[in-house]
Amino acid sequence: MTMIYLDHNATTPPADAVRAAMLSALSDCWANASSQHGPGQNARRAMGAARGAVARALGCKPAEIIFTSGATESNHLAVRGLLAAAAAGRGRVVFSSVEHAGHLRLARALRKQGVPVDLIAVRADGTLDVDAAVALMGPDLALISLMAANNETGALMPVAQVAALAHAAGALLHVDATQFIGKQPFSFAHFGADAVSLSAHKIHGPKGVGALLLRQGIALEPQIMGSQERGRRGGTENLAGIAGLAAALDLLGGADGIAAEAARLGTLRDALERGLARALPDAVHVWAQNAPRLPGTSYLRFGCLSADVVLNRLERLGVAASTGAACASGSSAPSHVLDAMGVPPQEALAAVRFSLGRGTTAQDVQYLLDALPPLLAPLLDEEAQAARQRQTAAAIA
C-alpha cells in the first residue's frame, strides 16, 4: 500500500530536479570553491550561479545571503550574532511564546547566560498578541525574533506590524520563515524584517542546508569563524546542498506559482476539515481555524482521543501524520504552542496535525474522509460514555 504523506510541515520529499542538481554538483563541481586552481574556480562559478538563483527567487541581493546548515543554525546565528553586534545598552531579546521548540531552547540558554529575554503572548487562536508586543518595546531592546508561520497551528504572524514596532524602538527584527517560504509569496526586499531564516528541506530540497538573509549594512558577529560567506559563517560551503536549495526554489514557480498552489491546498484542507466535521459531528475541533493560517495546515483533535491512538489508526490506513512538531514527536508533554494558547492539557494531548503538500491530491483527502471516521466513531462513543459515567459518579458523590 502506498503511503499517503500528510506531514509536509515536518519535511518534504526531495524533488527529482533537486536530486539532479545535487548529483551534477557532486559530479562536476566537487572541488573546494575557495581553491585557486581550475576545478576550484569551476566550483566557485557554480556557487555564484546558485547564489544568484537563490537571490532572484527570494527577492534579495546575492550579498545578503549567508548559506548555513539549516534554519536552526540560521536562527542561532541571527539571534546571537545580532545581539553581539548590538549597540551598548541594547541587550534584551524578545521571542514569541510559540516559537519552534528548538528556538525557545535558545531563549532559555540566553537567560542562563544573563541575557534579558521576554516572551510575547499569543491569543486563543494562536496569533500574536500585538498589544503584548507593544508593552515589551523599550530603549534596551536589541532584537525581536518571531516566526512568520507557526509550524503546528499554521497561524500567520503579523510580521509587518512587528517590524514597524521594532524599528520604531530602534531594534531589529529576525523572522524564522521556515514554514512560510514556499507556501506564501515572499520577497525579502518587501518583507520588513532585517534577517530571515529558511531551510531547504521544507520546500522539497535537501536536509542539512538553509540560509540566513541579512539586510545589507547590518552588523553581525559570526558564530562559526572562518573566511567563507564574506566572513560571516566559516566552513567549506555545501555546494551540492546549495545547488539543491536553488533548484527547490526554482520549482516553486515564483509568486504566481506559490499563490496557485496555496489556493489548491487551501481548498483541500477546507474539504478535509468540513468532511471530518460532518462525519464526526461535535467531535472535531480545529485550532486556529478562523485565524489567518497556512493553506495546507490543519491542527485538530477528535474529542479527547489520545493523539497516539489516532496516529495508530492512521498508520493502519497508510496515512502519515503527526502530533505537531517533528522534534517533539513521542513526547508525553502537551504542545507548548497549545499551552500558550490556553488549551487544557487533556485536549492538547489529543492534537493531531495534517500538513498537506505538493503531492497531496483530492483523492488522498477523500480516502481519509472515507476511511478514518468509521475507525474513530466507536472510540469516540466509548469516550462519551465514560465521560457520562464520570459525571454520574460525581453527582452521586
Protein backbone atom coordinates (compact mmCIF):
# COMPACT_ATOMS: atom_id res chain seq x y z
CA MET A 1 0.00 0.00 0.00
CA THR A 2 1.33 3.42 -0.97
CA MET A 3 1.68 5.77 1.99
CA ILE A 4 -0.36 8.98 1.87
CA TYR A 5 2.04 11.57 3.26
CA LEU A 6 0.40 14.35 5.26
CA ASP A 7 3.38 15.57 7.28
CA HIS A 8 4.86 18.19 4.95
CA ASN A 9 5.47 20.67 7.78
CA ALA A 10 7.99 18.20 9.20
CA THR A 11 9.84 17.66 5.94
CA THR A 12 9.18 17.23 2.24
CA PRO A 13 10.47 14.60 -0.21
CA PRO A 14 13.28 15.93 -2.41
CA ALA A 15 12.12 16.71 -5.93
CA ASP A 16 13.63 14.99 -8.96
CA ALA A 17 15.12 18.27 -10.20
CA VAL A 18 16.72 18.80 -6.79
CA ARG A 19 18.37 15.38 -6.83
CA ALA A 20 19.61 16.03 -10.37
CA ALA A 21 21.10 19.41 -9.43
CA MET A 22 22.84 17.90 -6.42
CA LEU A 23 24.21 14.97 -8.40
CA SER A 24 25.54 17.36 -11.04
CA ALA A 25 27.27 19.46 -8.38
CA LEU A 26 28.76 16.37 -6.73
CA SER A 27 29.98 15.04 -10.08
CA ASP A 28 31.17 18.18 -11.81
CA CYS A 29 31.84 20.76 -9.09
CA TRP A 30 33.34 18.68 -6.28
CA ALA A 31 36.39 20.90 -5.72
CA ASN A 32 36.71 23.48 -2.94
CA ALA A 33 35.27 26.78 -4.12
CA SER A 34 37.99 28.62 -2.18
CA SER A 35 40.78 26.99 -4.21
CA GLN A 36 42.54 28.99 -6.92
CA HIS A 37 43.06 26.18 -9.44
CA GLY A 38 40.75 25.36 -12.33
CA PRO A 39 38.50 22.83 -10.56
CA GLY A 40 38.18 25.18 -7.58
CA GLN A 41 37.22 28.10 -9.79
CA ASN A 42 34.67 25.90 -11.56
CA ALA A 43 33.09 25.19 -8.17
CA ARG A 44 33.26 28.92 -7.37
CA ARG A 45 31.36 29.79 -10.55
CA ALA A 46 28.74 27.15 -9.74
CA MET A 47 28.42 28.60 -6.24
CA GLY A 48 27.93 32.07 -7.68
CA ALA A 49 25.28 30.83 -10.09
CA ALA A 50 23.39 29.07 -7.30
CA ARG A 51 23.63 32.15 -5.06
CA GLY A 52 22.24 34.30 -7.84
CA ALA A 53 19.35 31.89 -8.41
CA VAL A 54 18.51 31.87 -4.69
CA ALA A 55 18.65 35.67 -4.58
CA ARG A 56 16.29 36.01 -7.53
CA ALA A 57 13.82 33.55 -6.01
CA LEU A 58 13.84 35.26 -2.59
CA GLY A 59 13.90 38.86 -3.73
CA CYS A 60 17.22 39.75 -2.15
CA LYS A 61 20.76 40.65 -3.16
CA PRO A 62 23.32 37.83 -3.51
CA ALA A 63 25.45 39.57 -0.85
CA GLU A 64 22.53 39.34 1.60
CA ILE A 65 22.62 35.52 1.61
CA ILE A 66 24.54 33.51 4.21
CA PHE A 67 24.37 29.79 3.50
CA THR A 68 24.06 27.63 6.62
CA SER A 69 23.28 24.05 7.62
CA GLY A 70 19.59 24.85 8.02
CA ALA A 71 17.07 27.03 9.82
CA THR A 72 18.23 26.12 13.34
CA GLU A 73 21.74 27.36 12.65
CA SER A 74 20.35 30.40 10.85
CA ASN A 75 18.19 31.22 13.87
CA HIS A 76 21.11 30.91 16.28
CA LEU A 77 23.38 32.93 14.02
CA ALA A 78 20.79 35.69 13.72
CA VAL A 79 19.97 35.97 17.41
CA ARG A 80 23.44 35.54 18.83
CA GLY A 81 25.16 37.40 16.01
CA LEU A 82 22.85 40.41 16.01
CA LEU A 83 22.81 40.55 19.80
CA ALA A 84 26.61 40.52 19.96
CA ALA A 85 26.78 43.37 17.44
CA ALA A 86 24.07 45.47 19.11
CA ALA A 87 24.83 48.94 20.43
CA ALA A 88 25.76 49.44 24.06
CA GLY A 89 22.71 49.47 26.30
CA ARG A 90 20.70 47.27 23.95
CA GLY A 91 20.96 43.78 25.39
CA ARG A 92 17.38 42.48 25.60
CA VAL A 93 15.80 39.98 23.21
CA VAL A 94 12.10 39.24 22.68
CA PHE A 95 10.72 35.98 21.28
CA SER A 96 7.13 34.88 20.78
CA SER A 97 5.85 32.25 23.18
CA VAL A 98 5.07 29.85 20.30
CA GLU A 99 8.42 29.74 18.53
CA HIS A 100 9.78 26.39 17.41
CA ALA A 101 10.80 24.33 20.46
CA GLY A 102 14.47 24.47 19.43
CA HIS A 103 14.34 28.25 19.23
CA LEU A 104 12.82 28.53 22.69
CA ARG A 105 15.70 26.40 23.97
CA LEU A 106 17.96 29.16 22.70
CA ALA A 107 15.86 31.67 24.63
CA ARG A 108 16.33 29.66 27.83
CA ALA A 109 20.07 29.34 27.18
CA LEU A 110 20.38 33.10 26.75
CA ARG A 111 18.59 33.66 30.05
CA LYS A 112 21.04 31.33 31.81
CA GLN A 113 23.84 33.45 30.37
CA GLY A 114 22.31 36.58 31.87
CA VAL A 115 20.65 37.96 28.75
CA PRO A 116 17.25 39.56 29.46
CA VAL A 117 14.65 37.64 27.45
CA ASP A 118 10.92 38.31 27.21
CA LEU A 119 8.19 36.29 25.52
CA ILE A 120 5.22 37.77 23.63
CA ALA A 121 1.92 36.10 24.46
CA VAL A 122 -0.47 34.78 21.83
CA ARG A 123 -4.25 34.91 21.66
CA ALA A 124 -6.50 31.88 21.96
CA ASP A 125 -6.46 31.48 18.15
CA GLY A 126 -2.66 31.22 18.11
CA THR A 127 -1.98 34.63 16.59
CA LEU A 128 0.37 37.10 18.21
CA ASP A 129 -0.99 39.49 20.82
CA VAL A 130 0.25 42.74 19.28
CA ASP A 131 -0.74 44.75 22.38
CA ALA A 132 1.50 42.47 24.44
CA ALA A 133 4.30 43.09 21.95
CA VAL A 134 3.84 46.86 22.26
CA ALA A 135 4.25 46.58 26.03
CA LEU A 136 7.65 44.92 25.56
CA MET A 137 9.19 47.69 23.46
CA GLY A 138 11.86 49.83 25.10
CA PRO A 139 15.25 51.54 24.67
CA ASP A 140 17.11 48.42 25.88
CA LEU A 141 15.63 46.19 23.19
CA ALA A 142 18.13 44.81 20.69
CA LEU A 143 16.13 42.27 18.76
CA ILE A 144 12.73 40.65 18.27
CA SER A 145 12.79 37.08 16.95
CA LEU A 146 9.47 35.90 15.52
CA MET A 147 8.30 33.05 13.31
CA ALA A 148 6.30 34.03 10.24
CA ALA A 149 4.00 31.00 10.45
CA ASN A 150 3.60 28.53 13.27
CA ASN A 151 4.72 25.02 12.46
CA GLU A 152 1.91 23.41 14.48
CA THR A 153 -1.23 25.53 14.03
CA GLY A 154 -0.19 27.20 10.77
CA ALA A 155 -1.19 30.57 12.26
CA LEU A 156 0.40 33.50 10.41
CA MET A 157 2.11 36.18 12.48
CA PRO A 158 1.84 39.96 11.81
CA VAL A 159 5.40 40.41 10.59
CA ALA A 160 4.85 43.89 9.10
CA GLN A 161 3.31 45.21 12.34
CA VAL A 162 6.08 43.79 14.49
CA ALA A 163 8.73 45.12 12.11
CA ALA A 164 7.26 48.60 12.49
CA LEU A 165 7.25 48.26 16.29
CA ALA A 166 10.84 47.00 16.38
CA HIS A 167 12.18 49.70 14.09
CA ALA A 168 10.31 52.45 15.96
CA ALA A 169 12.03 51.23 19.13
CA GLY A 170 15.42 51.26 17.41
CA ALA A 171 15.61 47.45 17.41
CA LEU A 172 15.93 44.79 14.71
CA LEU A 173 13.52 42.05 13.64
CA HIS A 174 14.60 38.49 12.85
CA VAL A 175 11.96 36.23 11.30
CA ASP A 176 12.03 32.45 11.14
CA ALA A 177 10.28 31.93 7.80
CA THR A 178 10.95 28.19 7.62
CA GLN A 179 7.25 27.29 7.29
CA PHE A 180 6.30 30.44 5.36
CA ILE A 181 8.64 30.41 2.38
CA GLY A 182 7.26 28.28 -0.43
CA LYS A 183 3.74 28.39 0.99
CA GLN A 184 3.10 32.13 0.73
CA PRO A 185 4.57 34.65 -1.75
CA PHE A 186 7.76 36.10 -0.28
CA SER A 187 10.26 38.84 -1.13
CA PHE A 188 12.97 39.80 1.33
CA ALA A 189 13.10 43.29 -0.15
CA HIS A 190 9.49 43.90 0.89
CA PHE A 191 9.10 41.62 3.93
CA GLY A 192 10.10 44.22 6.50
CA ALA A 193 12.45 42.00 8.52
CA ASP A 194 16.17 42.64 8.95
CA ALA A 195 17.08 38.94 8.96
CA VAL A 196 15.17 35.88 7.73
CA SER A 197 15.87 32.17 8.28
CA LEU A 198 14.89 29.35 5.93
CA SER A 199 15.54 25.67 5.34
CA ALA A 200 15.68 23.73 2.09
CA HIS A 201 14.02 20.52 3.26
CA LYS A 202 10.66 22.25 3.84
CA ILE A 203 10.37 23.04 0.11
CA HIS A 204 11.39 19.70 -1.45
CA GLY A 205 15.10 20.47 -1.12
CA PRO A 206 17.78 18.53 0.79
CA LYS A 207 18.23 18.38 4.54
CA GLY A 208 21.30 19.99 6.04
CA VAL A 209 21.25 23.26 4.10
CA GLY A 210 19.49 26.57 4.60
CA ALA A 211 20.20 30.26 4.63
CA LEU A 212 20.06 33.42 6.67
CA LEU A 213 19.08 36.50 4.71
CA LEU A 214 20.69 39.55 6.30
CA ARG A 215 19.83 43.03 5.16
CA GLN A 216 22.87 44.73 3.69
CA GLY A 217 24.63 47.09 6.09
CA ILE A 218 23.51 45.34 9.30
CA ALA A 219 26.33 44.27 11.61
CA LEU A 220 26.53 40.60 12.60
CA GLU A 221 29.10 38.81 14.76
CA PRO A 222 29.91 35.39 13.21
CA GLN A 223 29.33 32.37 15.44
CA ILE A 224 31.42 29.96 13.35
CA MET A 225 34.69 31.67 12.48
CA GLY A 226 36.15 31.42 9.02
CA SER A 227 36.60 33.25 5.74
CA GLN A 228 33.60 31.83 3.90
CA GLU A 229 30.32 33.66 3.33
CA ARG A 230 32.08 37.03 3.50
CA GLY A 231 33.48 36.10 6.88
CA ARG A 232 30.04 35.72 8.41
CA ARG A 233 29.90 31.92 8.57
CA GLY A 234 33.01 29.75 8.39
CA GLY A 235 33.23 26.27 6.92
CA THR A 236 33.55 24.96 3.39
CA GLU A 237 30.24 25.55 1.67
CA ASN A 238 27.95 22.60 0.95
CA LEU A 239 27.80 23.25 -2.79
CA ALA A 240 25.65 20.23 -3.60
CA GLY A 241 23.14 21.21 -0.93
CA ILE A 242 23.14 24.83 -2.09
CA ALA A 243 22.51 23.69 -5.67
CA GLY A 244 19.61 21.63 -4.32
CA LEU A 245 18.20 24.65 -2.48
CA ALA A 246 18.41 26.75 -5.65
CA ALA A 247 16.64 24.05 -7.65
CA ALA A 248 13.90 23.71 -5.00
CA LEU A 249 13.23 27.44 -5.01
CA ASP A 250 13.08 27.47 -8.80
CA LEU A 251 10.42 24.73 -8.76
CA LEU A 252 8.09 26.96 -6.71
CA GLY A 253 7.28 28.93 -9.85
CA GLY A 254 7.62 32.39 -8.36
CA ALA A 255 4.85 34.35 -6.66
CA ASP A 256 2.19 33.20 -9.15
CA GLY A 257 3.10 29.54 -8.76
CA ILE A 258 3.13 29.78 -4.97
CA ALA A 259 -0.22 31.57 -4.89
CA ALA A 260 -1.81 28.97 -7.16
CA GLU A 261 -0.53 26.10 -5.05
CA ALA A 262 -1.67 27.87 -1.86
CA ALA A 263 -5.17 28.16 -3.28
CA ARG A 264 -5.20 24.47 -4.23
CA LEU A 265 -4.02 23.36 -0.80
CA GLY A 266 -6.45 25.69 0.97
CA THR A 267 -9.32 24.08 -0.93
CA LEU A 268 -8.14 20.58 0.00
CA ARG A 269 -7.61 21.50 3.66
CA ASP A 270 -11.06 23.06 3.93
CA ALA A 271 -12.62 19.98 2.31
CA LEU A 272 -10.79 17.77 4.80
CA GLU A 273 -11.94 19.78 7.81
CA ARG A 274 -15.53 20.08 6.63
CA GLY A 275 -15.71 16.39 5.80
CA LEU A 276 -14.36 15.30 9.17
CA ALA A 277 -16.73 17.64 11.00
CA ARG A 278 -19.71 16.21 9.06
CA ALA A 279 -18.68 12.62 9.66
CA LEU A 280 -17.90 13.12 13.35
CA PRO A 281 -20.21 15.93 14.50
CA ASP A 282 -19.29 17.68 17.75
CA ALA A 283 -16.06 15.66 17.99
CA VAL A 284 -13.74 17.58 15.66
CA HIS A 285 -12.13 20.79 16.89
CA VAL A 286 -9.67 22.69 14.66
CA TRP A 287 -7.26 25.16 16.27
CA ALA A 288 -6.61 28.49 14.51
CA GLN A 289 -9.43 27.67 12.09
CA ASN A 290 -10.65 31.26 11.96
CA ALA A 291 -7.20 32.86 12.05
CA PRO A 292 -5.00 33.67 9.06
CA ARG A 293 -3.04 30.46 8.60
CA LEU A 294 -1.02 28.39 6.16
CA PRO A 295 -3.23 26.85 3.49
CA GLY A 296 -2.06 23.26 3.96
CA THR A 297 -2.02 23.02 7.77
CA SER A 298 -4.82 21.54 9.86
CA TYR A 299 -4.22 21.11 13.60
CA LEU A 300 -7.12 19.39 15.27
CA ARG A 301 -8.38 16.91 17.83
CA PHE A 302 -11.04 14.21 17.78
CA GLY A 303 -12.81 14.67 21.08
CA CYS A 304 -10.08 13.97 23.60
CA LEU A 305 -8.86 10.77 21.96
CA SER A 306 -5.14 10.40 22.57
CA ALA A 307 -3.13 11.54 19.57
CA ASP A 308 -1.15 8.30 19.76
CA VAL A 309 -4.38 6.31 19.33
CA VAL A 310 -5.43 8.39 16.32
CA LEU A 311 -1.99 8.19 14.72
CA ASN A 312 -2.03 4.41 15.19
CA ARG A 313 -5.31 4.22 13.27
CA LEU A 314 -3.91 6.49 10.58
CA GLU A 315 -0.84 4.28 10.26
CA ARG A 316 -3.09 1.27 9.71
CA LEU A 317 -4.73 3.20 6.89
CA GLY A 318 -1.38 4.05 5.32
CA VAL A 319 -1.55 7.73 6.24
CA ALA A 320 1.44 9.58 7.72
CA ALA A 321 0.56 12.48 10.03
CA SER A 322 1.99 13.79 13.31
CA THR A 323 1.21 15.22 16.71
CA GLY A 324 2.83 18.55 15.80
CA ALA A 325 6.50 19.47 15.69
CA ALA A 326 8.64 16.59 14.44
CA CYS A 327 11.36 17.31 17.01
CA ALA A 328 8.82 16.78 19.81
CA SER A 329 7.27 13.62 18.36
CA GLY A 330 6.84 10.96 21.01
CA SER A 331 6.91 13.45 23.85
CA SER A 332 4.39 12.84 26.63
CA ALA A 333 4.13 16.57 27.35
CA PRO A 334 1.41 18.71 25.78
CA SER A 335 2.41 21.07 22.98
CA HIS A 336 3.94 24.31 24.27
CA VAL A 337 2.09 26.08 21.46
CA LEU A 338 -1.32 24.88 22.66
CA ASP A 339 -0.32 25.60 26.24
CA ALA A 340 0.47 29.20 25.27
CA MET A 341 -2.98 29.37 23.64
CA GLY A 342 -4.61 28.34 26.92
CA VAL A 343 -5.64 24.85 25.76
CA PRO A 344 -6.18 22.37 28.65
CA PRO A 345 -3.60 19.54 28.78
CA GLN A 346 -6.16 16.77 28.13
CA GLU A 347 -7.20 18.46 24.90
CA ALA A 348 -3.63 19.32 23.90
CA LEU A 349 -2.58 15.68 24.24
CA ALA A 350 -5.21 14.83 21.61
CA ALA A 351 -3.64 17.14 19.00
CA VAL A 352 -3.04 15.73 15.51
CA ARG A 353 -1.54 17.70 12.65
CA PHE A 354 -2.27 17.11 8.99
CA SER A 355 0.07 19.13 6.78
CA LEU A 356 -0.68 18.87 3.08
CA GLY A 357 1.81 19.49 0.30
CA ARG A 358 2.51 19.36 -3.42
CA GLY A 359 1.97 15.62 -3.57
CA THR A 360 -1.43 15.74 -1.85
CA THR A 361 -4.43 15.09 -4.09
CA ALA A 362 -8.21 15.35 -3.77
CA GLN A 363 -8.26 11.53 -3.91
CA ASP A 364 -5.98 11.40 -0.85
CA VAL A 365 -8.34 13.64 1.10
CA GLN A 366 -11.39 11.64 0.05
CA TYR A 367 -9.71 8.38 1.07
CA LEU A 368 -9.04 9.82 4.52
CA LEU A 369 -12.63 11.05 4.83
CA ASP A 370 -13.98 7.62 3.82
CA ALA A 371 -11.65 5.52 5.96
CA LEU A 372 -10.85 7.38 9.19
CA PRO A 373 -14.26 8.31 10.70
CA PRO A 374 -15.50 4.67 10.84
CA LEU A 375 -12.39 3.75 12.82
CA LEU A 376 -12.72 6.63 15.26
CA ALA A 377 -16.51 6.67 15.79
CA PRO A 378 -16.60 3.66 18.19
CA LEU A 379 -13.70 5.11 20.19
CA LEU A 380 -15.48 8.46 20.46
CA ASP A 381 -18.65 6.71 21.61
CA GLU A 382 -16.67 4.91 24.33
CA GLU A 383 -15.10 8.21 25.36
CA ALA A 384 -18.51 9.89 25.59
CA GLN A 385 -19.94 7.02 27.62
CA ALA A 386 -17.00 7.13 30.04
CA ALA A 387 -17.49 10.90 30.43
CA ARG A 388 -21.18 10.38 31.26
CA GLN A 389 -20.30 7.75 33.85
CA ARG A 390 -17.82 10.10 35.48
CA GLN A 391 -20.43 12.85 35.60
CA THR A 392 -22.96 10.48 37.20
CA ALA A 393 -20.43 9.31 39.78
CA ALA A 394 -19.53 12.91 40.59
CA ALA A 395 -23.21 13.84 41.01
CA ILE A 396 -23.82 10.91 43.37
CA ALA A 397 -20.74 11.77 45.41
